N, C-alpha and C. Protein backbone atom coordinates (compact mmCIF):
# COMPACT_ATOMS: atom_id res chain seq x y z
N UNK A 1 -39.11 -70.24 -68.81
CA UNK A 1 -38.44 -69.28 -67.95
C UNK A 1 -36.96 -69.15 -68.33
N UNK A 2 -36.31 -70.25 -68.60
CA UNK A 2 -34.90 -70.18 -68.96
C UNK A 2 -34.71 -69.55 -70.33
N UNK A 3 -35.67 -69.77 -71.24
CA UNK A 3 -35.59 -69.15 -72.56
C UNK A 3 -35.66 -67.63 -72.43
N UNK A 4 -36.46 -67.19 -71.48
CA UNK A 4 -36.59 -65.76 -71.23
C UNK A 4 -35.25 -65.18 -70.76
N UNK A 5 -34.63 -65.87 -69.83
CA UNK A 5 -33.33 -65.41 -69.30
C UNK A 5 -32.25 -65.44 -70.38
N UNK A 6 -32.27 -66.47 -71.20
CA UNK A 6 -31.30 -66.54 -72.29
C UNK A 6 -31.48 -65.40 -73.27
N UNK A 7 -32.72 -65.11 -73.58
CA UNK A 7 -33.01 -64.01 -74.49
C UNK A 7 -32.59 -62.67 -73.88
N UNK A 8 -32.87 -62.49 -72.61
CA UNK A 8 -32.46 -61.25 -71.94
C UNK A 8 -30.94 -61.13 -71.86
N UNK A 9 -30.25 -62.23 -71.62
CA UNK A 9 -28.78 -62.20 -71.58
C UNK A 9 -28.20 -61.84 -72.94
N UNK A 10 -28.79 -62.40 -74.02
CA UNK A 10 -28.31 -62.07 -75.36
C UNK A 10 -28.56 -60.61 -75.70
N UNK A 11 -29.75 -60.11 -75.35
CA UNK A 11 -30.06 -58.71 -75.62
C UNK A 11 -29.14 -57.81 -74.79
N UNK A 12 -28.90 -58.20 -73.57
CA UNK A 12 -28.02 -57.42 -72.70
C UNK A 12 -26.60 -57.38 -73.26
N UNK A 13 -26.13 -58.50 -73.78
CA UNK A 13 -24.78 -58.53 -74.34
C UNK A 13 -24.69 -57.69 -75.61
N UNK A 14 -25.78 -57.60 -76.37
CA UNK A 14 -25.76 -56.79 -77.58
C UNK A 14 -25.85 -55.30 -77.23
N UNK A 15 -26.71 -54.95 -76.27
CA UNK A 15 -26.93 -53.54 -75.94
C UNK A 15 -25.74 -52.96 -75.18
N UNK A 16 -25.30 -53.64 -74.17
CA UNK A 16 -24.19 -53.10 -73.38
C UNK A 16 -22.90 -53.73 -73.84
N UNK A 17 -22.04 -52.91 -74.29
CA UNK A 17 -20.73 -53.36 -74.74
C UNK A 17 -19.81 -53.35 -73.53
N UNK A 18 -19.55 -54.50 -72.99
CA UNK A 18 -18.73 -54.59 -71.78
C UNK A 18 -17.26 -54.43 -72.16
N UNK A 19 -16.64 -53.52 -71.45
CA UNK A 19 -15.24 -53.25 -71.73
C UNK A 19 -14.43 -53.79 -70.55
N UNK A 20 -13.51 -54.64 -70.84
CA UNK A 20 -12.69 -55.19 -69.76
C UNK A 20 -11.50 -54.27 -69.52
N UNK A 21 -11.02 -54.29 -68.32
CA UNK A 21 -9.86 -53.46 -67.97
C UNK A 21 -8.61 -54.27 -68.31
N UNK A 22 -7.95 -53.85 -69.37
CA UNK A 22 -6.76 -54.58 -69.78
C UNK A 22 -5.50 -53.90 -69.28
N UNK A 23 -4.38 -54.48 -69.65
CA UNK A 23 -3.08 -53.98 -69.19
C UNK A 23 -2.79 -52.58 -69.72
N UNK A 24 -3.20 -52.28 -70.95
CA UNK A 24 -2.96 -50.95 -71.53
C UNK A 24 -3.69 -49.87 -70.75
N UNK A 25 -4.90 -50.16 -70.32
CA UNK A 25 -5.66 -49.20 -69.52
C UNK A 25 -4.96 -48.96 -68.18
N UNK A 26 -4.45 -50.03 -67.59
CA UNK A 26 -3.71 -49.91 -66.33
C UNK A 26 -2.47 -49.05 -66.51
N UNK A 27 -1.73 -49.25 -67.59
CA UNK A 27 -0.54 -48.44 -67.86
C UNK A 27 -0.92 -46.97 -68.09
N UNK A 28 -2.02 -46.75 -68.78
CA UNK A 28 -2.49 -45.38 -69.02
C UNK A 28 -2.77 -44.67 -67.69
N UNK A 29 -3.43 -45.35 -66.77
CA UNK A 29 -3.73 -44.76 -65.46
C UNK A 29 -2.46 -44.50 -64.68
N UNK A 30 -1.53 -45.45 -64.68
CA UNK A 30 -0.27 -45.28 -63.94
C UNK A 30 0.52 -44.11 -64.49
N UNK A 31 0.63 -44.01 -65.82
CA UNK A 31 1.37 -42.90 -66.41
C UNK A 31 0.68 -41.56 -66.16
N UNK A 32 -0.63 -41.56 -66.14
CA UNK A 32 -1.36 -40.33 -65.83
C UNK A 32 -1.08 -39.88 -64.41
N UNK A 33 -1.09 -40.82 -63.47
CA UNK A 33 -0.80 -40.47 -62.08
C UNK A 33 0.64 -39.99 -61.92
N UNK A 34 1.57 -40.63 -62.61
CA UNK A 34 2.96 -40.19 -62.55
C UNK A 34 3.13 -38.79 -63.13
N UNK A 35 2.41 -38.50 -64.20
CA UNK A 35 2.48 -37.18 -64.81
C UNK A 35 1.96 -36.11 -63.86
N UNK A 36 0.85 -36.39 -63.20
CA UNK A 36 0.30 -35.44 -62.23
C UNK A 36 1.25 -35.29 -61.04
N UNK A 37 1.80 -36.38 -60.56
CA UNK A 37 2.72 -36.33 -59.42
C UNK A 37 3.99 -35.58 -59.78
N UNK A 38 4.41 -35.69 -61.04
CA UNK A 38 5.63 -35.01 -61.48
C UNK A 38 5.50 -33.49 -61.34
N UNK A 39 4.30 -32.96 -61.49
CA UNK A 39 4.09 -31.53 -61.34
C UNK A 39 3.65 -31.15 -59.94
N UNK A 40 3.02 -32.05 -59.23
CA UNK A 40 2.49 -31.71 -57.90
C UNK A 40 3.57 -31.72 -56.84
N UNK A 41 4.43 -32.73 -56.83
CA UNK A 41 5.41 -32.84 -55.76
C UNK A 41 6.45 -31.72 -55.75
N UNK A 42 6.98 -31.28 -56.89
CA UNK A 42 7.90 -30.13 -56.83
C UNK A 42 7.23 -28.87 -56.29
N UNK A 43 5.97 -28.66 -56.65
CA UNK A 43 5.26 -27.49 -56.14
C UNK A 43 5.12 -27.57 -54.63
N UNK A 44 4.77 -28.74 -54.11
CA UNK A 44 4.64 -28.92 -52.67
C UNK A 44 5.98 -28.69 -51.99
N UNK A 45 7.06 -29.22 -52.57
CA UNK A 45 8.39 -29.05 -51.99
C UNK A 45 8.79 -27.58 -51.96
N UNK A 46 8.55 -26.89 -53.05
CA UNK A 46 8.93 -25.47 -53.12
C UNK A 46 8.12 -24.64 -52.13
N UNK A 47 6.82 -24.89 -52.01
CA UNK A 47 6.02 -24.11 -51.07
C UNK A 47 6.43 -24.40 -49.64
N UNK A 48 6.82 -25.65 -49.35
CA UNK A 48 7.31 -25.95 -48.00
C UNK A 48 8.61 -25.20 -47.72
N UNK A 49 9.51 -25.18 -48.68
CA UNK A 49 10.78 -24.48 -48.49
C UNK A 49 10.55 -22.98 -48.30
N UNK A 50 9.64 -22.42 -49.05
CA UNK A 50 9.33 -20.99 -48.89
C UNK A 50 8.77 -20.74 -47.51
N UNK A 51 7.90 -21.63 -47.03
CA UNK A 51 7.31 -21.47 -45.70
C UNK A 51 8.39 -21.50 -44.62
N UNK A 52 9.30 -22.49 -44.68
CA UNK A 52 10.34 -22.59 -43.66
C UNK A 52 11.31 -21.41 -43.72
N UNK A 53 11.65 -20.95 -44.92
CA UNK A 53 12.54 -19.79 -45.04
C UNK A 53 11.86 -18.53 -44.49
N UNK A 54 10.57 -18.38 -44.74
CA UNK A 54 9.87 -17.20 -44.22
C UNK A 54 9.80 -17.24 -42.69
N UNK A 55 9.68 -18.45 -42.13
CA UNK A 55 9.71 -18.56 -40.66
C UNK A 55 11.07 -18.15 -40.12
N UNK A 56 12.14 -18.59 -40.79
CA UNK A 56 13.49 -18.20 -40.36
C UNK A 56 13.69 -16.69 -40.49
N UNK A 57 13.19 -16.12 -41.57
CA UNK A 57 13.33 -14.67 -41.77
C UNK A 57 12.57 -13.92 -40.69
N UNK A 58 11.37 -14.38 -40.36
CA UNK A 58 10.59 -13.72 -39.31
C UNK A 58 11.30 -13.81 -37.96
N UNK A 59 11.89 -14.96 -37.68
CA UNK A 59 12.63 -15.13 -36.42
C UNK A 59 13.84 -14.19 -36.37
N UNK A 60 14.58 -14.11 -37.49
CA UNK A 60 15.74 -13.22 -37.53
C UNK A 60 15.32 -11.75 -37.44
N UNK A 61 14.18 -11.42 -38.02
CA UNK A 61 13.70 -10.03 -37.94
C UNK A 61 13.34 -9.67 -36.51
N UNK A 62 12.72 -10.60 -35.78
CA UNK A 62 12.39 -10.35 -34.38
C UNK A 62 13.67 -10.17 -33.56
N UNK A 63 14.68 -11.03 -33.82
CA UNK A 63 15.95 -10.88 -33.11
C UNK A 63 16.61 -9.55 -33.45
N UNK A 64 16.53 -9.14 -34.72
CA UNK A 64 17.11 -7.87 -35.13
C UNK A 64 16.44 -6.70 -34.41
N UNK A 65 15.11 -6.73 -34.34
CA UNK A 65 14.39 -5.66 -33.65
C UNK A 65 14.74 -5.64 -32.16
N UNK A 66 14.89 -6.82 -31.56
CA UNK A 66 15.26 -6.89 -30.15
C UNK A 66 16.66 -6.32 -29.93
N UNK A 67 17.59 -6.69 -30.78
CA UNK A 67 18.96 -6.18 -30.64
C UNK A 67 19.02 -4.67 -30.89
N UNK A 68 18.20 -4.19 -31.82
CA UNK A 68 18.16 -2.75 -32.06
C UNK A 68 17.65 -2.01 -30.82
N UNK A 69 16.63 -2.56 -30.17
CA UNK A 69 16.10 -1.95 -28.96
C UNK A 69 17.12 -2.00 -27.82
N UNK A 70 17.83 -3.13 -27.69
CA UNK A 70 18.87 -3.23 -26.67
C UNK A 70 19.98 -2.23 -26.94
N UNK A 71 20.33 -2.05 -28.21
CA UNK A 71 21.36 -1.07 -28.57
C UNK A 71 20.92 0.34 -28.18
N UNK A 72 19.64 0.63 -28.40
CA UNK A 72 19.14 1.95 -28.03
C UNK A 72 19.22 2.16 -26.51
N UNK A 73 18.84 1.13 -25.75
CA UNK A 73 18.90 1.24 -24.29
C UNK A 73 20.33 1.37 -23.79
N UNK A 74 21.24 0.60 -24.37
CA UNK A 74 22.65 0.67 -23.96
C UNK A 74 23.24 2.02 -24.33
N UNK A 75 22.88 2.53 -25.51
CA UNK A 75 23.37 3.86 -25.91
C UNK A 75 22.86 4.94 -24.95
N UNK A 76 21.60 4.83 -24.56
CA UNK A 76 21.06 5.79 -23.60
C UNK A 76 21.78 5.66 -22.26
N UNK A 77 22.09 4.46 -21.85
CA UNK A 77 22.82 4.24 -20.59
C UNK A 77 24.23 4.81 -20.68
N UNK A 78 24.89 4.63 -21.81
CA UNK A 78 26.24 5.17 -22.00
C UNK A 78 26.20 6.69 -21.97
N UNK A 79 25.22 7.27 -22.63
CA UNK A 79 25.09 8.74 -22.61
C UNK A 79 24.87 9.24 -21.18
N UNK A 80 24.06 8.51 -20.43
CA UNK A 80 23.81 8.90 -19.04
C UNK A 80 25.10 8.82 -18.22
N UNK A 81 25.86 7.78 -18.40
CA UNK A 81 27.12 7.62 -17.66
C UNK A 81 28.12 8.70 -18.09
N UNK A 82 28.19 9.01 -19.39
CA UNK A 82 29.08 10.08 -19.86
C UNK A 82 28.68 11.41 -19.25
N UNK A 83 27.39 11.68 -19.20
CA UNK A 83 26.90 12.93 -18.63
C UNK A 83 27.28 13.03 -17.15
N UNK A 84 27.08 11.91 -16.41
CA UNK A 84 27.45 11.91 -14.99
C UNK A 84 28.94 12.12 -14.80
N UNK A 85 29.75 11.47 -15.65
CA UNK A 85 31.20 11.63 -15.54
C UNK A 85 31.63 13.06 -15.84
N UNK A 86 31.00 13.69 -16.83
CA UNK A 86 31.35 15.06 -17.15
C UNK A 86 30.99 16.00 -16.03
N UNK A 87 29.86 15.78 -15.39
CA UNK A 87 29.45 16.62 -14.28
C UNK A 87 30.35 16.39 -13.07
N UNK A 88 30.65 15.13 -12.77
CA UNK A 88 31.52 14.83 -11.64
C UNK A 88 32.92 15.35 -11.87
N UNK A 89 33.43 15.33 -13.09
CA UNK A 89 34.76 15.84 -13.39
C UNK A 89 34.80 17.36 -13.20
N UNK A 90 33.74 18.03 -13.54
CA UNK A 90 33.75 19.48 -13.38
C UNK A 90 33.58 19.89 -11.92
N UNK A 91 32.96 19.03 -11.11
CA UNK A 91 32.79 19.37 -9.71
C UNK A 91 34.09 19.21 -8.93
N UNK A 92 34.93 18.29 -9.30
CA UNK A 92 36.18 18.06 -8.54
C UNK A 92 37.29 18.63 -9.26
């Protein structure tokens, strides 16, 4: 029985070439991850900045539209007051 196992172990060692994970392989993986991160993180940062700037622009655009509408209402109110003053001035 043990001869059988020894024979199978020897055949297994010949057929399957076991590759150990050495320090060079570890460095290769680390440098690969750093290379990917070098391109991924700036893209993430830039897209975040674009998102926040677009939110600020949208907020300012809403404020601009609101102020434009208020200006229109105030201008209409001023015109109404001018009209009333002109009519009252002509009556007296």
